[in-house]
Amino acid sequence: MAQLPPDLDQKVKHYLANGLYQTEEDVLRDALRALGEEKNVLDDIRQGLEDLGAGRGRSLEDIDANLRKKHNIPQDA
């Protein structure tokens, strides 16, 4: 594995010392997975904001009605 800057090396060693990960590769793998998930969430938020700006949103009332129908939840619950 490439040499890490001192601050990152310290963080990796902390995770290893606390038994959170077995290897440096495990730390890196989990970090990259988390970054990928974060990117997907940010992409979804950007798309949602773009949709809202273009008038492609749904009202909360519409969403509520659909969820109540789907899960058989009465209006007064």
N, C-alpha and C. Protein backbone atom coordinates (compact mmCIF):
# COMPACT_ATOMS: atom_id res chain seq x y z
N MET A 1 0.86 -1.18 0.00
CA MET A 1 0.00 0.00 0.00
C MET A 1 0.90 1.23 0.00
N ALA A 2 0.47 2.28 -0.68
CA ALA A 2 1.23 3.52 -0.73
C ALA A 2 1.33 4.13 0.66
N GLN A 3 2.39 4.88 0.86
CA GLN A 3 2.57 5.54 2.15
C GLN A 3 1.55 6.66 2.29
N LEU A 4 0.90 6.70 3.44
CA LEU A 4 -0.13 7.71 3.68
C LEU A 4 0.49 8.94 4.36
N PRO A 5 -0.12 10.09 4.17
CA PRO A 5 0.32 11.26 4.93
C PRO A 5 0.16 10.97 6.44
N PRO A 6 0.95 11.61 7.27
CA PRO A 6 0.94 11.30 8.70
C PRO A 6 -0.44 11.36 9.36
N ASP A 7 -1.25 12.35 9.00
CA ASP A 7 -2.56 12.46 9.64
C ASP A 7 -3.47 11.28 9.29
N LEU A 8 -3.42 10.85 8.03
CA LEU A 8 -4.24 9.70 7.62
C LEU A 8 -3.69 8.40 8.20
N ASP A 9 -2.37 8.28 8.23
CA ASP A 9 -1.75 7.09 8.80
C ASP A 9 -2.15 6.94 10.26
N GLN A 10 -2.19 8.05 10.99
CA GLN A 10 -2.58 8.02 12.40
C GLN A 10 -4.03 7.54 12.56
N LYS A 11 -4.91 8.02 11.69
CA LYS A 11 -6.31 7.61 11.76
C LYS A 11 -6.46 6.12 11.46
N VAL A 12 -5.75 5.65 10.44
CA VAL A 12 -5.82 4.23 10.10
C VAL A 12 -5.31 3.39 11.27
N LYS A 13 -4.21 3.79 11.84
CA LYS A 13 -3.65 3.05 12.99
C LYS A 13 -4.61 3.05 14.17
N HIS A 14 -5.31 4.14 14.35
CA HIS A 14 -6.32 4.21 15.42
C HIS A 14 -7.41 3.16 15.21
N TYR A 15 -7.91 3.06 13.98
CA TYR A 15 -8.95 2.07 13.68
C TYR A 15 -8.42 0.65 13.89
N LEU A 16 -7.20 0.41 13.48
CA LEU A 16 -6.61 -0.92 13.65
C LEU A 16 -6.38 -1.23 15.13
N ALA A 17 -5.86 -0.27 15.87
CA ALA A 17 -5.56 -0.49 17.29
C ALA A 17 -6.82 -0.75 18.11
N ASN A 18 -7.93 -0.14 17.69
CA ASN A 18 -9.19 -0.34 18.41
C ASN A 18 -9.96 -1.57 17.94
N GLY A 19 -9.38 -2.31 17.02
CA GLY A 19 -10.00 -3.54 16.56
C GLY A 19 -11.18 -3.33 15.63
N LEU A 20 -11.33 -2.12 15.12
CA LEU A 20 -12.45 -1.86 14.22
C LEU A 20 -12.23 -2.48 12.85
N TYR A 21 -10.97 -2.64 12.47
CA TYR A 21 -10.60 -3.24 11.20
C TYR A 21 -9.40 -4.15 11.42
N GLN A 22 -9.25 -5.13 10.55
CA GLN A 22 -8.15 -6.08 10.66
C GLN A 22 -6.92 -5.63 9.87
N THR A 23 -7.14 -4.95 8.75
CA THR A 23 -6.03 -4.56 7.89
C THR A 23 -6.24 -3.14 7.37
N GLU A 24 -5.14 -2.54 6.89
CA GLU A 24 -5.24 -1.22 6.27
C GLU A 24 -6.15 -1.28 5.04
N GLU A 25 -6.09 -2.38 4.32
CA GLU A 25 -6.92 -2.53 3.13
C GLU A 25 -8.40 -2.51 3.50
N ASP A 26 -8.74 -3.12 4.65
CA ASP A 26 -10.14 -3.10 5.10
C ASP A 26 -10.60 -1.67 5.38
N VAL A 27 -9.73 -0.86 5.99
CA VAL A 27 -10.06 0.54 6.27
C VAL A 27 -10.30 1.27 4.94
N LEU A 28 -9.38 1.10 4.01
CA LEU A 28 -9.49 1.77 2.71
C LEU A 28 -10.74 1.32 1.96
N ARG A 29 -11.02 0.03 1.98
CA ARG A 29 -12.19 -0.51 1.28
C ARG A 29 -13.47 0.11 1.84
N ASP A 30 -13.56 0.17 3.18
CA ASP A 30 -14.75 0.72 3.81
C ASP A 30 -14.87 2.22 3.54
N ALA A 31 -13.74 2.93 3.56
CA ALA A 31 -13.75 4.36 3.28
C ALA A 31 -14.21 4.63 1.85
N LEU A 32 -13.73 3.85 0.89
CA LEU A 32 -14.14 4.04 -0.50
C LEU A 32 -15.60 3.69 -0.71
N ARG A 33 -16.07 2.67 -0.02
CA ARG A 33 -17.49 2.31 -0.10
C ARG A 33 -18.34 3.46 0.44
N ALA A 34 -17.93 4.04 1.58
CA ALA A 34 -18.68 5.14 2.17
C ALA A 34 -18.67 6.37 1.25
N LEU A 35 -17.54 6.64 0.63
CA LEU A 35 -17.47 7.76 -0.31
C LEU A 35 -18.40 7.54 -1.50
N GLY A 36 -18.46 6.31 -1.98
CA GLY A 36 -19.37 5.99 -3.08
C GLY A 36 -20.82 6.20 -2.69
N GLU A 37 -21.18 5.76 -1.48
CA GLU A 37 -22.55 5.95 -1.01
C GLU A 37 -22.87 7.43 -0.85
N GLU A 38 -21.91 8.20 -0.31
CA GLU A 38 -22.12 9.63 -0.15
C GLU A 38 -22.32 10.30 -1.50
N LYS A 39 -21.54 9.91 -2.49
CA LYS A 39 -21.69 10.48 -3.83
C LYS A 39 -23.07 10.17 -4.40
N ASN A 40 -23.53 8.94 -4.20
CA ASN A 40 -24.86 8.57 -4.70
C ASN A 40 -25.95 9.40 -4.04
N VAL A 41 -25.83 9.61 -2.73
CA VAL A 41 -26.82 10.42 -2.01
C VAL A 41 -26.81 11.86 -2.52
N LEU A 42 -25.62 12.43 -2.68
CA LEU A 42 -25.52 13.80 -3.19
C LEU A 42 -26.07 13.91 -4.61
N ASP A 43 -25.80 12.91 -5.44
CA ASP A 43 -26.35 12.90 -6.80
C ASP A 43 -27.88 12.86 -6.77
N ASP A 44 -28.44 12.04 -5.86
CA ASP A 44 -29.90 11.96 -5.74
C ASP A 44 -30.49 13.28 -5.26
N ILE A 45 -29.82 13.94 -4.32
CA ILE A 45 -30.30 15.24 -3.84
C ILE A 45 -30.26 16.27 -4.96
N ARG A 46 -29.15 16.30 -5.69
CA ARG A 46 -29.05 17.24 -6.83
C ARG A 46 -30.16 16.99 -7.84
N GLN A 47 -30.40 15.73 -8.15
CA GLN A 47 -31.46 15.39 -9.11
C GLN A 47 -32.82 15.82 -8.58
N GLY A 48 -33.06 15.58 -7.29
CA GLY A 48 -34.33 15.99 -6.70
C GLY A 48 -34.53 17.49 -6.74
N LEU A 49 -33.47 18.24 -6.45
CA LEU A 49 -33.58 19.70 -6.51
C LEU A 49 -33.80 20.17 -7.94
N GLU A 50 -33.14 19.52 -8.88
CA GLU A 50 -33.35 19.86 -10.29
C GLU A 50 -34.79 19.57 -10.69
N ASP A 51 -35.31 18.42 -10.27
CA ASP A 51 -36.70 18.06 -10.58
C ASP A 51 -37.67 19.07 -9.98
N LEU A 52 -37.44 19.46 -8.73
CA LEU A 52 -38.32 20.44 -8.10
C LEU A 52 -38.27 21.77 -8.84
N GLY A 53 -37.07 22.20 -9.21
CA GLY A 53 -36.91 23.44 -9.95
C GLY A 53 -37.60 23.42 -11.30
N ALA A 54 -37.72 22.23 -11.89
CA ALA A 54 -38.36 22.10 -13.20
C ALA A 54 -39.85 21.77 -13.07
N GLY A 55 -40.36 21.78 -11.84
CA GLY A 55 -41.79 21.51 -11.64
C GLY A 55 -42.16 20.05 -11.69
N ARG A 56 -41.20 19.17 -11.48
CA ARG A 56 -41.48 17.73 -11.54
C ARG A 56 -41.65 17.12 -10.15
N GLY A 57 -42.02 17.91 -9.17
CA GLY A 57 -42.20 17.41 -7.81
C GLY A 57 -43.64 16.98 -7.55
N ARG A 58 -43.83 16.31 -6.42
CA ARG A 58 -45.17 15.92 -5.99
C ARG A 58 -45.46 16.59 -4.65
N SER A 59 -46.70 16.87 -4.41
CA SER A 59 -47.08 17.50 -3.14
C SER A 59 -47.00 16.47 -2.01
N LEU A 60 -46.81 16.99 -0.79
CA LEU A 60 -46.80 16.10 0.37
C LEU A 60 -48.14 15.40 0.54
N GLU A 61 -49.20 16.08 0.20
CA GLU A 61 -50.53 15.48 0.30
C GLU A 61 -50.66 14.28 -0.63
N ASP A 62 -50.12 14.41 -1.83
CA ASP A 62 -50.15 13.32 -2.81
C ASP A 62 -49.32 12.13 -2.31
N ILE A 63 -48.14 12.41 -1.79
CA ILE A 63 -47.27 11.35 -1.26
C ILE A 63 -47.95 10.67 -0.08
N ASP A 64 -48.54 11.47 0.83
CA ASP A 64 -49.23 10.92 1.99
C ASP A 64 -50.38 10.01 1.56
N ALA A 65 -51.16 10.46 0.60
CA ALA A 65 -52.30 9.66 0.13
C ALA A 65 -51.83 8.35 -0.48
N ASN A 66 -50.75 8.40 -1.27
CA ASN A 66 -50.24 7.17 -1.88
C ASN A 66 -49.71 6.19 -0.83
N LEU A 67 -48.98 6.70 0.16
CA LEU A 67 -48.46 5.82 1.21
C LEU A 67 -49.59 5.22 2.05
N ARG A 68 -50.60 6.03 2.38
CA ARG A 68 -51.73 5.51 3.14
C ARG A 68 -52.45 4.40 2.37
N LYS A 69 -52.64 4.62 1.07
CA LYS A 69 -53.31 3.61 0.25
C LYS A 69 -52.47 2.33 0.17
N LYS A 70 -51.17 2.50 -0.07
CA LYS A 70 -50.27 1.35 -0.22
C LYS A 70 -50.22 0.50 1.06
N HIS A 71 -50.25 1.17 2.23
CA HIS A 71 -50.09 0.44 3.50
C HIS A 71 -51.39 0.34 4.29
N ASN A 72 -52.51 0.63 3.64
CA ASN A 72 -53.83 0.53 4.27
C ASN A 72 -53.90 1.28 5.59
N ILE A 73 -53.46 2.54 5.57
CA ILE A 73 -53.49 3.38 6.76
C ILE A 73 -54.66 4.34 6.62
N PRO A 74 -55.57 4.35 7.60
CA PRO A 74 -56.72 5.25 7.52
C PRO A 74 -56.29 6.72 7.60
N GLN A 75 -57.13 7.59 7.08
CA GLN A 75 -56.84 9.02 7.05
C GLN A 75 -56.72 9.62 8.45
N ASP A 76 -57.42 9.08 9.41
CA ASP A 76 -57.41 9.66 10.76
C ASP A 76 -56.32 9.07 11.65
N ALA A 77 -55.47 8.23 11.10
CA ALA A 77 -54.40 7.61 11.92
C ALA A 77 -53.15 8.46 11.89
